[in-house]
């Protein structure tokens, strides 16, 4: 159900975000990279962008669930509100995805700039 998907998203995405940030910072500390230098700093900015997109998207899922539940209870079709929330939710996923892809690239290739 949609409710289970929302819970799974919170569990897996939130947990992954915390683990990625923590392990990334530990690895940077272990190899003594300055945290505000080049690719490390850009990776942190991209992580903030991804989380800034994910948190509102996760909140929109609850609004979408409420809209669908209301429609089902009252025998209605999905509302325009649901469609608007879905569009915003999907739009937030695009920069979040590319931010995480950028972090992966930076971690693998560690460009100097």
PDB file of N, CA and C in Angstrom:
ATOM      1  N   UNK A   1       0.831  -1.189   0.000  1.00  0.00           N
ATOM      2  CA  UNK A   1       0.000   0.000   0.000  1.00  0.00           C
ATOM      3  C   UNK A   1       0.876   1.252   0.000  1.00  0.00           C
ATOM      4  N   UNK A   2       0.250   2.362  -0.279  1.00  0.00           N
ATOM      5  CA  UNK A   2       0.976   3.631  -0.311  1.00  0.00           C
ATOM      6  C   UNK A   2       1.568   3.967   1.050  1.00  0.00           C
ATOM      7  N   UNK A   3       0.830   3.647   2.103  1.00  0.00           N
ATOM      8  CA  UNK A   3       1.317   3.932   3.457  1.00  0.00           C
ATOM      9  C   UNK A   3       2.602   3.148   3.746  1.00  0.00           C
ATOM     10  N   UNK A   4       2.665   1.894   3.333  1.00  0.00           N
ATOM     11  CA  UNK A   4       3.864   1.081   3.540  1.00  0.00           C
ATOM     12  C   UNK A   4       5.035   1.600   2.710  1.00  0.00           C
ATOM     13  N   UNK A   5       4.747   2.076   1.521  1.00  0.00           N
ATOM     14  CA  UNK A   5       5.798   2.642   0.670  1.00  0.00           C
ATOM     15  C   UNK A   5       6.381   3.890   1.324  1.00  0.00           C
ATOM     16  N   UNK A   6       5.516   4.717   1.891  1.00  0.00           N
ATOM     17  CA  UNK A   6       5.984   5.928   2.573  1.00  0.00           C
ATOM     18  C   UNK A   6       6.866   5.559   3.759  1.00  0.00           C
ATOM     19  N   UNK A   7       6.446   4.584   4.540  1.00  0.00           N
ATOM     20  CA  UNK A   7       7.256   4.153   5.689  1.00  0.00           C
ATOM     21  C   UNK A   7       8.596   3.596   5.227  1.00  0.00           C
ATOM     22  N   UNK A   8       8.578   2.785   4.180  1.00  0.00           N
ATOM     23  CA  UNK A   8       9.825   2.215   3.658  1.00  0.00           C
ATOM     24  C   UNK A   8      10.746   3.320   3.148  1.00  0.00           C
ATOM     25  N   UNK A   9      10.170   4.310   2.485  1.00  0.00           N
ATOM     26  CA  UNK A   9      10.973   5.429   1.990  1.00  0.00           C
ATOM     27  C   UNK A   9      11.651   6.148   3.143  1.00  0.00           C
ATOM     28  N   UNK A  10      10.900   6.404   4.214  1.00  0.00           N
ATOM     29  CA  UNK A  10      11.487   7.061   5.380  1.00  0.00           C
ATOM     30  C   UNK A  10      12.597   6.209   5.984  1.00  0.00           C
ATOM     31  N   UNK A  11      12.332   4.922   6.150  1.00  0.00           N
ATOM     32  CA  UNK A  11      13.324   4.046   6.781  1.00  0.00           C
ATOM     33  C   UNK A  11      14.586   3.958   5.940  1.00  0.00           C
ATOM     34  N   UNK A  12      14.438   3.597   4.674  1.00  0.00           N
ATOM     35  CA  UNK A  12      15.614   3.349   3.845  1.00  0.00           C
ATOM     36  C   UNK A  12      16.327   4.628   3.428  1.00  0.00           C
ATOM     37  N   UNK A  13      15.577   5.640   3.020  1.00  0.00           N
ATOM     38  CA  UNK A  13      16.218   6.867   2.551  1.00  0.00           C
ATOM     39  C   UNK A  13      16.825   7.650   3.703  1.00  0.00           C
ATOM     40  N   UNK A  14      16.104   7.778   4.790  1.00  0.00           N
ATOM     41  CA  UNK A  14      16.651   8.511   5.939  1.00  0.00           C
ATOM     42  C   UNK A  14      17.861   7.786   6.510  1.00  0.00           C
ATOM     43  N   UNK A  15      17.755   6.475   6.635  1.00  0.00           N
ATOM     44  CA  UNK A  15      18.879   5.692   7.146  1.00  0.00           C
ATOM     45  C   UNK A  15      20.082   5.798   6.213  1.00  0.00           C
ATOM     46  N   UNK A  16      19.838   5.688   4.913  1.00  0.00           N
ATOM     47  CA  UNK A  16      20.937   5.801   3.947  1.00  0.00           C
ATOM     48  C   UNK A  16      21.579   7.178   4.019  1.00  0.00           C
ATOM     49  N   UNK A  17      20.765   8.219   4.163  1.00  0.00           N
ATOM     50  CA  UNK A  17      21.315   9.568   4.260  1.00  0.00           C
ATOM     51  C   UNK A  17      22.212   9.741   5.465  1.00  0.00           C
ATOM     52  N   UNK A  18      21.774   9.247   6.607  1.00  0.00           N
ATOM     53  CA  UNK A  18      22.576   9.353   7.832  1.00  0.00           C
ATOM     54  C   UNK A  18      23.856   8.534   7.704  1.00  0.00           C
ATOM     55  N   UNK A  19      23.727   7.301   7.216  1.00  0.00           N
ATOM     56  CA  UNK A  19      24.899   6.425   7.082  1.00  0.00           C
ATOM     57  C   UNK A  19      25.885   6.985   6.059  1.00  0.00           C
ATOM     58  N   UNK A  20      25.384   7.469   4.924  1.00  0.00           N
ATOM     59  CA  UNK A  20      26.275   8.033   3.906  1.00  0.00           C
ATOM     60  C   UNK A  20      27.037   9.234   4.446  1.00  0.00           C
ATOM     61  N   UNK A  21      26.342  10.121   5.110  1.00  0.00           N
ATOM     62  CA  UNK A  21      27.012  11.301   5.644  1.00  0.00           C
ATOM     63  C   UNK A  21      28.033  10.910   6.707  1.00  0.00           C
ATOM     64  N   UNK A  22      27.640  10.050   7.622  1.00  0.00           N
ATOM     65  CA  UNK A  22      28.546   9.648   8.708  1.00  0.00           C
ATOM     66  C   UNK A  22      29.771   8.918   8.176  1.00  0.00           C
ATOM     67  N   UNK A  23      29.566   7.931   7.316  1.00  0.00           N
ATOM     68  CA  UNK A  23      30.717   7.176   6.801  1.00  0.00           C
ATOM     69  C   UNK A  23      31.586   8.041   5.900  1.00  0.00           C
ATOM     70  N   UNK A  24      30.961   8.932   5.141  1.00  0.00           N
ATOM     71  CA  UNK A  24      31.743   9.838   4.301  1.00  0.00           C
ATOM     72  C   UNK A  24      32.626  10.753   5.125  1.00  0.00           C
ATOM     73  N   UNK A  25      32.065  11.320   6.177  1.00  0.00           N
ATOM     74  CA  UNK A  25      32.855  12.198   7.047  1.00  0.00           C
ATOM     75  C   UNK A  25      33.958  11.424   7.767  1.00  0.00           C
ATOM     76  N   UNK A  26      33.662  10.193   8.169  1.00  0.00           N
ATOM     77  CA  UNK A  26      34.693   9.369   8.811  1.00  0.00           C
ATOM     78  C   UNK A  26      35.827   9.074   7.836  1.00  0.00           C
ATOM     79  N   UNK A  27      35.490   8.713   6.599  1.00  0.00           N
ATOM     80  CA  UNK A  27      36.541   8.422   5.611  1.00  0.00           C
ATOM     81  C   UNK A  27      37.377   9.657   5.304  1.00  0.00           C
ATOM     82  N   UNK A  28      36.726  10.806   5.189  1.00  0.00           N
ATOM     83  CA  UNK A  28      37.460  12.051   4.944  1.00  0.00           C
ATOM     84  C   UNK A  28      38.397  12.333   6.110  1.00  0.00           C
ATOM     85  N   UNK A  29      37.923  12.104   7.310  1.00  0.00           N
ATOM     86  CA  UNK A  29      38.749  12.317   8.500  1.00  0.00           C
ATOM     87  C   UNK A  29      39.919  11.335   8.527  1.00  0.00           C
ATOM     88  N   UNK A  30      39.671  10.068   8.189  1.00  0.00           N
ATOM     89  CA  UNK A  30      40.728   9.049   8.226  1.00  0.00           C
ATOM     90  C   UNK A  30      41.868   9.347   7.260  1.00  0.00           C
ATOM     91  N   UNK A  31      41.544   9.863   6.085  1.00  0.00           N
ATOM     92  CA  UNK A  31      42.594  10.167   5.104  1.00  0.00           C
ATOM     93  C   UNK A  31      43.069  11.612   5.202  1.00  0.00           C
ATOM     94  N   UNK A  32      42.531  12.326   6.164  1.00  0.00           N
ATOM     95  CA  UNK A  32      42.959  13.704   6.473  1.00  0.00           C
ATOM     96  C   UNK A  32      42.725  14.699   5.333  1.00  0.00           C
ATOM     97  N   UNK A  33      41.612  14.518   4.611  1.00  0.00           N
ATOM     98  CA  UNK A  33      41.237  15.519   3.616  1.00  0.00           C
ATOM     99  C   UNK A  33      40.635  16.701   4.357  1.00  0.00           C
ATOM    100  N   UNK A  34      40.999  17.914   3.979  1.00  0.00           N
ATOM    101  CA  UNK A  34      40.316  19.075   4.566  1.00  0.00           C
ATOM    102  C   UNK A  34      38.845  19.072   4.122  1.00  0.00           C
ATOM    103  N   UNK A  35      37.961  19.216   5.048  1.00  0.00           N
ATOM    104  CA  UNK A  35      36.528  19.096   4.765  1.00  0.00           C
ATOM    105  C   UNK A  35      36.018  20.181   3.818  1.00  0.00           C
ATOM    106  N   UNK A  36      36.659  21.319   3.799  1.00  0.00           N
ATOM    107  CA  UNK A  36      36.211  22.416   2.938  1.00  0.00           C
ATOM    108  C   UNK A  36      37.006  22.516   1.642  1.00  0.00           C
ATOM    109  N   UNK A  37      37.684  21.446   1.268  1.00  0.00           N
ATOM    110  CA  UNK A  37      38.492  21.505   0.052  1.00  0.00           C
ATOM    111  C   UNK A  37      37.795  20.820  -1.115  1.00  0.00           C
ATOM    112  N   UNK A  38      37.955  21.384  -2.282  1.00  0.00           N
ATOM    113  CA  UNK A  38      37.556  20.814  -3.564  1.00  0.00           C
ATOM    114  C   UNK A  38      36.350  19.901  -3.578  1.00  0.00           C
ATOM    115  N   UNK A  39      36.616  18.661  -3.990  1.00  0.00           N
ATOM    116  CA  UNK A  39      35.536  17.718  -4.233  1.00  0.00           C
ATOM    117  C   UNK A  39      34.784  17.339  -2.955  1.00  0.00           C
ATOM    118  N   UNK A  40      35.448  17.384  -1.818  1.00  0.00           N
ATOM    119  CA  UNK A  40      34.773  17.047  -0.562  1.00  0.00           C
ATOM    120  C   UNK A  40      33.706  18.103  -0.259  1.00  0.00           C
ATOM    121  N   UNK A  41      34.069  19.357  -0.392  1.00  0.00           N
ATOM    122  CA  UNK A  41      33.134  20.447  -0.123  1.00  0.00           C
ATOM    123  C   UNK A  41      31.959  20.417  -1.098  1.00  0.00           C
ATOM    124  N   UNK A  42      32.252  20.193  -2.377  1.00  0.00           N
ATOM    125  CA  UNK A  42      31.182  20.121  -3.381  1.00  0.00           C
ATOM    126  C   UNK A  42      30.259  18.935  -3.084  1.00  0.00           C
ATOM    127  N   UNK A  43      30.838  17.823  -2.649  1.00  0.00           N
ATOM    128  CA  UNK A  43      30.024  16.656  -2.278  1.00  0.00           C
ATOM    129  C   UNK A  43      29.083  16.986  -1.125  1.00  0.00           C
ATOM    130  N   UNK A  44      29.577  17.717  -0.146  1.00  0.00           N
ATOM    131  CA  UNK A  44      28.730  18.107   0.984  1.00  0.00           C
ATOM    132  C   UNK A  44      27.600  19.033   0.541  1.00  0.00           C
ATOM    133  N   UNK A  45      27.908  19.946  -0.365  1.00  0.00           N
ATOM    134  CA  UNK A  45      26.868  20.837  -0.899  1.00  0.00           C
ATOM    135  C   UNK A  45      25.815  20.022  -1.641  1.00  0.00           C
ATOM    136  N   UNK A  46      26.263  19.073  -2.466  1.00  0.00           N
ATOM    137  CA  UNK A  46      25.322  18.226  -3.197  1.00  0.00           C
ATOM    138  C   UNK A  46      24.477  17.376  -2.245  1.00  0.00           C
ATOM    139  N   UNK A  47      25.074  16.933  -1.150  1.00  0.00           N
ATOM    140  CA  UNK A  47      24.324  16.164  -0.154  1.00  0.00           C
ATOM    141  C   UNK A  47      23.231  17.033   0.465  1.00  0.00           C
ATOM    142  N   UNK A  48      23.560  18.267   0.781  1.00  0.00           N
ATOM    143  CA  UNK A  48      22.565  19.192   1.343  1.00  0.00           C
ATOM    144  C   UNK A  48      21.440  19.429   0.331  1.00  0.00           C
ATOM    145  N   UNK A  49      21.801  19.584  -0.944  1.00  0.00           N
ATOM    146  CA  UNK A  49      20.786  19.766  -1.989  1.00  0.00           C
ATOM    147  C   UNK A  49      19.860  18.547  -2.047  1.00  0.00           C
ATOM    148  N   UNK A  50      20.462  17.353  -2.039  1.00  0.00           N
ATOM    149  CA  UNK A  50      19.658  16.126  -2.103  1.00  0.00           C
ATOM    150  C   UNK A  50      18.705  16.030  -0.917  1.00  0.00           C
ATOM    151  N   UNK A  51      19.192  16.317   0.272  1.00  0.00           N
ATOM    152  CA  UNK A  51      18.340  16.238   1.458  1.00  0.00           C
ATOM    153  C   UNK A  51      17.290  17.349   1.463  1.00  0.00           C
ATOM    154  N   UNK A  52      17.664  18.525   0.943  1.00  0.00           N
ATOM    155  CA  UNK A  52      16.706  19.631   0.863  1.00  0.00           C
ATOM    156  C   UNK A  52      15.575  19.306  -0.113  1.00  0.00           C
ATOM    157  N   UNK A  53      15.841  18.440  -1.068  1.00  0.00           N
ATOM    158  CA  UNK A  53      14.785  17.984  -1.983  1.00  0.00           C
ATOM    159  C   UNK A  53      14.008  16.820  -1.379  1.00  0.00           C
ATOM    160  N   UNK A  54      14.708  15.919  -0.703  1.00  0.00           N
ATOM    161  CA  UNK A  54      14.058  14.711  -0.197  1.00  0.00           C
ATOM    162  C   UNK A  54      13.079  15.006   0.939  1.00  0.00           C
ATOM    163  N   UNK A  55      13.439  15.875   1.851  1.00  0.00           N
ATOM    164  CA  UNK A  55      12.572  16.128   3.010  1.00  0.00           C
ATOM    165  C   UNK A  55      11.202  16.672   2.585  1.00  0.00           C
ATOM    166  N   UNK A  56      11.139  17.719   1.735  1.00  0.00           N
ATOM    167  CA  UNK A  56       9.807  18.160   1.300  1.00  0.00           C
ATOM    168  C   UNK A  56       9.080  17.091   0.475  1.00  0.00           C
ATOM    169  N   UNK A  57       9.829  16.322  -0.320  1.00  0.00           N
ATOM    170  CA  UNK A  57       9.200  15.257  -1.107  1.00  0.00           C
ATOM    171  C   UNK A  57       8.589  14.207  -0.190  1.00  0.00           C
ATOM    172  N   UNK A  58       9.282  13.887   0.873  1.00  0.00           N
ATOM    173  CA  UNK A  58       8.755  12.915   1.832  1.00  0.00           C
ATOM    174  C   UNK A  58       7.496  13.451   2.505  1.00  0.00           C
ATOM    175  N   UNK A  59       7.477  14.734   2.806  1.00  0.00           N
ATOM    176  CA  UNK A  59       6.285  15.332   3.411  1.00  0.00           C
ATOM    177  C   UNK A  59       5.113  15.343   2.423  1.00  0.00           C
ATOM    178  N   UNK A  60       5.420  15.564   1.156  1.00  0.00           N
ATOM    179  CA  UNK A  60       4.366  15.556   0.140  1.00  0.00           C
ATOM    180  C   UNK A  60       3.708  14.184   0.031  1.00  0.00           C
ATOM    181  N   UNK A  61       4.463  13.133   0.314  1.00  0.00           N
ATOM    182  CA  UNK A  61       3.888  11.790   0.253  1.00  0.00           C
ATOM    183  C   UNK A  61       2.724  11.652   1.228  1.00  0.00           C
ATOM    184  N   UNK A  62       2.833  12.261   2.390  1.00  0.00           N
ATOM    185  CA  UNK A  62       1.736  12.205   3.359  1.00  0.00           C
ATOM    186  C   UNK A  62       0.510  12.967   2.856  1.00  0.00           C
ATOM    187  N   UNK A  63       0.735  14.083   2.203  1.00  0.00           N
ATOM    188  CA  UNK A  63      -0.388  14.843   1.639  1.00  0.00           C
ATOM    189  C   UNK A  63      -1.051  14.058   0.512  1.00  0.00           C
ATOM    190  N   UNK A  64      -0.211  13.388  -0.297  1.00  0.00           N
ATOM    191  CA  UNK A  64      -0.750  12.569  -1.380  1.00  0.00           C
ATOM    192  C   UNK A  64      -1.567  11.406  -0.813  1.00  0.00           C
ATOM    193  N   UNK A  65      -1.071  10.794   0.252  1.00  0.00           N
ATOM    194  CA  UNK A  65      -1.800   9.703   0.903  1.00  0.00           C
ATOM    195  C   UNK A  65      -3.150  10.196   1.422  1.00  0.00           C
ATOM    196  N   UNK A  66      -3.156  11.363   2.043  1.00  0.00           N
ATOM    197  CA  UNK A  66      -4.410  11.928   2.563  1.00  0.00           C
ATOM    198  C   UNK A  66      -5.396  12.195   1.426  1.00  0.00           C
ATOM    199  N   UNK A  67      -4.902  12.716   0.302  1.00  0.00           N
ATOM    200  CA  UNK A  67      -5.774  13.006  -0.839  1.00  0.00           C
ATOM    201  C   UNK A  67      -6.354  11.723  -1.424  1.00  0.00           C
ATOM    202  N   UNK A  68      -5.533  10.690  -1.539  1.00  0.00           N
ATOM    203  CA  UNK A  68      -6.005   9.412  -2.083  1.00  0.00           C
ATOM    204  C   UNK A  68      -6.995   8.756  -1.123  1.00  0.00           C
ATOM    205  N   UNK A  69      -6.685   8.796   0.162  1.00  0.00           N
ATOM    206  CA  UNK A  69      -7.582   8.212   1.165  1.00  0.00           C
ATOM    207  C   UNK A  69      -8.940   8.910   1.138  1.00  0.00           C
ATOM    208  N   UNK A  70      -8.923  10.228   1.065  1.00  0.00           N
ATOM    209  CA  UNK A  70     -10.174  10.998   0.990  1.00  0.00           C
ATOM    210  C   UNK A  70     -10.963  10.604  -0.255  1.00  0.00           C
ATOM    211  N   UNK A  71     -10.286  10.481  -1.381  1.00  0.00           N
ATOM    212  CA  UNK A  71     -10.964  10.114  -2.626  1.00  0.00           C
ATOM    213  C   UNK A  71     -11.569   8.714  -2.528  1.00  0.00           C
ATOM    214  N   UNK A  72     -10.835   7.776  -1.952  1.00  0.00           N
ATOM    215  CA  UNK A  72     -11.347   6.405  -1.823  1.00  0.00           C
ATOM    216  C   UNK A  72     -12.547   6.328  -0.888  1.00  0.00           C
ATOM    217  N   UNK A  73     -12.462   7.022   0.235  1.00  0.00           N
ATOM    218  CA  UNK A  73     -13.556   6.997   1.218  1.00  0.00           C
ATOM    219  C   UNK A  73     -14.836   7.587   0.631  1.00  0.00           C
ATOM    220  N   UNK A  74     -14.679   8.628  -0.180  1.00  0.00           N
ATOM    221  CA  UNK A  74     -15.849   9.317  -0.722  1.00  0.00           C
ATOM    222  C   UNK A  74     -16.198   8.883  -2.147  1.00  0.00           C
ATOM    223  N   UNK A  75     -15.519   7.854  -2.654  1.00  0.00           N
ATOM    224  CA  UNK A  75     -15.824   7.349  -3.991  1.00  0.00           C
ATOM    225  C   UNK A  75     -15.499   8.319  -5.105  1.00  0.00           C
ATOM    226  N   UNK A  76     -14.472   9.113  -4.907  1.00  0.00           N
ATOM    227  CA  UNK A  76     -14.076  10.113  -5.897  1.00  0.00           C
ATOM    228  C   UNK A  76     -12.808   9.673  -6.618  1.00  0.00           C
ATOM    229  N   UNK A  77     -12.519  10.343  -7.719  1.00  0.00           N
ATOM    230  CA  UNK A  77     -11.230  10.107  -8.375  1.00  0.00           C
ATOM    231  C   UNK A  77     -10.188  11.008  -7.714  1.00  0.00           C
ATOM    232  N   UNK A  78      -8.940  10.741  -8.004  1.00  0.00           N
ATOM    233  CA  UNK A  78      -7.853  11.528  -7.406  1.00  0.00           C
ATOM    234  C   UNK A  78      -8.045  13.008  -7.732  1.00  0.00           C
ATOM    235  N   UNK A  79      -7.779  13.837  -6.766  1.00  0.00           N
ATOM    236  CA  UNK A  79      -8.017  15.272  -6.912  1.00  0.00           C
ATOM    237  C   UNK A  79      -6.889  15.956  -7.674  1.00  0.00           C
ATOM    238  N   UNK A  80      -7.158  17.186  -8.057  1.00  0.00           N
ATOM    239  CA  UNK A  80      -6.110  17.999  -8.688  1.00  0.00           C
ATOM    240  C   UNK A  80      -4.977  18.257  -7.705  1.00  0.00           C
ATOM    241  N   UNK A  81      -5.346  18.341  -6.431  1.00  0.00           N
ATOM    242  CA  UNK A  81      -4.336  18.542  -5.394  1.00  0.00           C
ATOM    243  C   UNK A  81      -3.331  17.393  -5.414  1.00  0.00           C
ATOM    244  N   UNK A  82      -3.842  16.163  -5.555  1.00  0.00           N
ATOM    245  CA  UNK A  82      -2.957  15.001  -5.637  1.00  0.00           C
ATOM    246  C   UNK A  82      -2.029  15.130  -6.844  1.00  0.00           C
ATOM    247  N   UNK A  83      -2.583  15.501  -7.980  1.00  0.00           N
ATOM    248  CA  UNK A  83      -1.778  15.659  -9.193  1.00  0.00           C
ATOM    249  C   UNK A  83      -0.711  16.730  -9.036  1.00  0.00           C
ATOM    250  N   UNK A  84      -1.070  17.819  -8.389  1.00  0.00           N
ATOM    251  CA  UNK A  84      -0.100  18.899  -8.155  1.00  0.00           C
ATOM    252  C   UNK A  84       1.004  18.429  -7.220  1.00  0.00           C
ATOM    253  N   UNK A  85       0.624  17.747  -6.147  1.00  0.00           N
ATOM    254  CA  UNK A  85       1.624  17.219  -5.215  1.00  0.00           C
ATOM    255  C   UNK A  85       2.526  16.194  -5.894  1.00  0.00           C
ATOM    256  N   UNK A  86       1.926  15.347  -6.727  1.00  0.00           N
ATOM    257  CA  UNK A  86       2.717  14.336  -7.423  1.00  0.00           C
ATOM    258  C   UNK A  86       3.738  14.996  -8.345  1.00  0.00           C
ATOM    259  N   UNK A  87       3.324  16.038  -9.062  1.00  0.00           N
ATOM    260  CA  UNK A  87       4.240  16.743  -9.963  1.00  0.00           C
ATOM    261  C   UNK A  87       5.402  17.356  -9.187  1.00  0.00           C
ATOM    262  N   UNK A  88       5.107  18.010  -8.083  1.00  0.00           N
ATOM    263  CA  UNK A  88       6.163  18.616  -7.260  1.00  0.00           C
ATOM    264  C   UNK A  88       7.069  17.533  -6.690  1.00  0.00           C
ATOM    265  N   UNK A  89       6.470  16.440  -6.209  1.00  0.00           N
ATOM    266  CA  UNK A  89       7.226  15.318  -5.646  1.00  0.00           C
ATOM    267  C   UNK A  89       8.207  14.759  -6.679  1.00  0.00           C
ATOM    268  N   UNK A  90       7.719  14.510  -7.883  1.00  0.00           N
ATOM    269  CA  UNK A  90       8.582  13.977  -8.940  1.00  0.00           C
ATOM    270  C   UNK A  90       9.647  15.000  -9.336  1.00  0.00           C
ATOM    271  N   UNK A  91       9.280  16.271  -9.367  1.00  0.00           N
ATOM    272  CA  UNK A  91      10.240  17.323  -9.724  1.00  0.00           C
ATOM    273  C   UNK A  91      11.353  17.446  -8.692  1.00  0.00           C
ATOM    274  N   UNK A  92      11.050  17.220  -7.440  1.00  0.00           N
ATOM    275  CA  UNK A  92      12.077  17.257  -6.398  1.00  0.00           C
ATOM    276  C   UNK A  92      13.022  16.060  -6.503  1.00  0.00           C
ATOM    277  N   UNK A  93      12.532  14.967  -7.036  1.00  0.00           N
ATOM    278  CA  UNK A  93      13.372  13.778  -7.180  1.00  0.00           C
ATOM    279  C   UNK A  93      14.479  13.943  -8.199  1.00  0.00           C
ATOM    280  N   UNK A  94      14.274  14.768  -9.197  1.00  0.00           N
ATOM    281  CA  UNK A  94      15.271  14.937 -10.259  1.00  0.00           C
ATOM    282  C   UNK A  94      16.552  15.571  -9.728  1.00  0.00           C
ATOM    283  N   UNK A  95      16.508  16.741  -9.079  1.00  0.00           N
ATOM    284  CA  UNK A  95      17.763  17.295  -8.555  1.00  0.00           C
ATOM    285  C   UNK A  95      18.372  16.431  -7.451  1.00  0.00           C
ATOM    286  N   UNK A  96      17.525  15.761  -6.668  1.00  0.00           N
ATOM    287  CA  UNK A  96      18.058  14.875  -5.621  1.00  0.00           C
ATOM    288  C   UNK A  96      18.837  13.729  -6.251  1.00  0.00           C
ATOM    289  N   UNK A  97      18.278  13.129  -7.291  1.00  0.00           N
ATOM    290  CA  UNK A  97      18.951  12.022  -7.973  1.00  0.00           C
ATOM    291  C   UNK A  97      20.280  12.469  -8.572  1.00  0.00           C
ATOM    292  N   UNK A  98      20.264  13.578  -9.294  1.00  0.00           N
ATOM    293  CA  UNK A  98      21.499  14.034  -9.933  1.00  0.00           C
ATOM    294  C   UNK A  98      22.524  14.523  -8.913  1.00  0.00           C
ATOM    295  N   UNK A  99      22.068  15.022  -7.785  1.00  0.00           N
ATOM    296  CA  UNK A  99      23.008  15.388  -6.718  1.00  0.00           C
ATOM    297  C   UNK A  99      23.721  14.151  -6.197  1.00  0.00           C
ATOM    298  N   UNK A 100      22.971  13.078  -5.967  1.00  0.00           N
ATOM    299  CA  UNK A 100      23.592  11.842  -5.482  1.00  0.00           C
ATOM    300  C   UNK A 100      24.505  11.235  -6.541  1.00  0.00           C
ATOM    301  N   UNK A 101      24.113  11.336  -7.798  1.00  0.00           N
ATOM    302  CA  UNK A 101      24.966  10.864  -8.891  1.00  0.00           C
ATOM    303  C   UNK A 101      26.260  11.672  -8.929  1.00  0.00           C
ATOM    304  N   UNK A 102      26.155  12.980  -8.724  1.00  0.00           N
ATOM    305  CA  UNK A 102      27.336  13.839  -8.678  1.00  0.00           C
ATOM    306  C   UNK A 102      28.256  13.482  -7.527  1.00  0.00           C
ATOM    307  N   UNK A 103      27.683  13.175  -6.381  1.00  0.00           N
ATOM    308  CA  UNK A 103      28.495  12.762  -5.229  1.00  0.00           C
ATOM    309  C   UNK A 103      29.248  11.484  -5.557  1.00  0.00           C
ATOM    310  N   UNK A 104      28.566  10.534  -6.174  1.00  0.00           N
ATOM    311  CA  UNK A 104      29.217   9.279  -6.561  1.00  0.00           C
ATOM    312  C   UNK A 104      30.395   9.560  -7.495  1.00  0.00           C
ATOM    313  N   UNK A 105      30.171  10.401  -8.497  1.00  0.00           N
ATOM    314  CA  UNK A 105      31.241  10.760  -9.429  1.00  0.00           C
ATOM    315  C   UNK A 105      32.424  11.381  -8.686  1.00  0.00           C
ATOM    316  N   UNK A 106      32.144  12.326  -7.819  1.00  0.00           N
ATOM    317  CA  UNK A 106      33.214  13.007  -7.086  1.00  0.00           C
ATOM    318  C   UNK A 106      33.980  12.049  -6.181  1.00  0.00           C
ATOM    319  N   UNK A 107      33.283  11.108  -5.568  1.00  0.00           N
ATOM    320  CA  UNK A 107      33.955  10.150  -4.692  1.00  0.00           C
ATOM    321  C   UNK A 107      34.848   9.202  -5.481  1.00  0.00           C
ATOM    322  N   UNK A 108      34.409   8.809  -6.655  1.00  0.00           N
ATOM    323  CA  UNK A 108      35.185   7.856  -7.460  1.00  0.00           C
ATOM    324  C   UNK A 108      36.379   8.535  -8.111  1.00  0.00           C
ATOM    325  N   UNK A 109      36.160   9.685  -8.728  1.00  0.00           N
ATOM    326  CA  UNK A 109      37.221  10.319  -9.518  1.00  0.00           C
ATOM    327  C   UNK A 109      38.008  11.384  -8.763  1.00  0.00           C
ATOM    328  N   UNK A 110      37.504  11.875  -7.661  1.00  0.00           N
ATOM    329  CA  UNK A 110      38.163  12.886  -6.825  1.00  0.00           C
ATOM    330  C   UNK A 110      38.908  13.946  -7.648  1.00  0.00           C
ATOM    331  N   UNK A 111      38.183  14.698  -8.450  1.00  0.00           N
ATOM    332  CA  UNK A 111      38.849  15.719  -9.266  1.00  0.00           C
ATOM    333  C   UNK A 111      39.480  16.794  -8.387  1.00  0.00           C
ATOM    334  N   UNK A 112      40.554  17.357  -8.877  1.00  0.00           N
ATOM    335  CA  UNK A 112      41.202  18.433  -8.110  1.00  0.00           C
ATOM    336  C   UNK A 112      40.735  19.776  -8.656  1.00  0.00           C
ATOM    337  N   UNK A 113      40.131  20.546  -7.815  1.00  0.00           N
ATOM    338  CA  UNK A 113      39.723  21.914  -8.159  1.00  0.00           C
ATOM    339  C   UNK A 113      39.572  22.706  -6.894  1.00  0.00           C
TER     340      UNK A 113
END
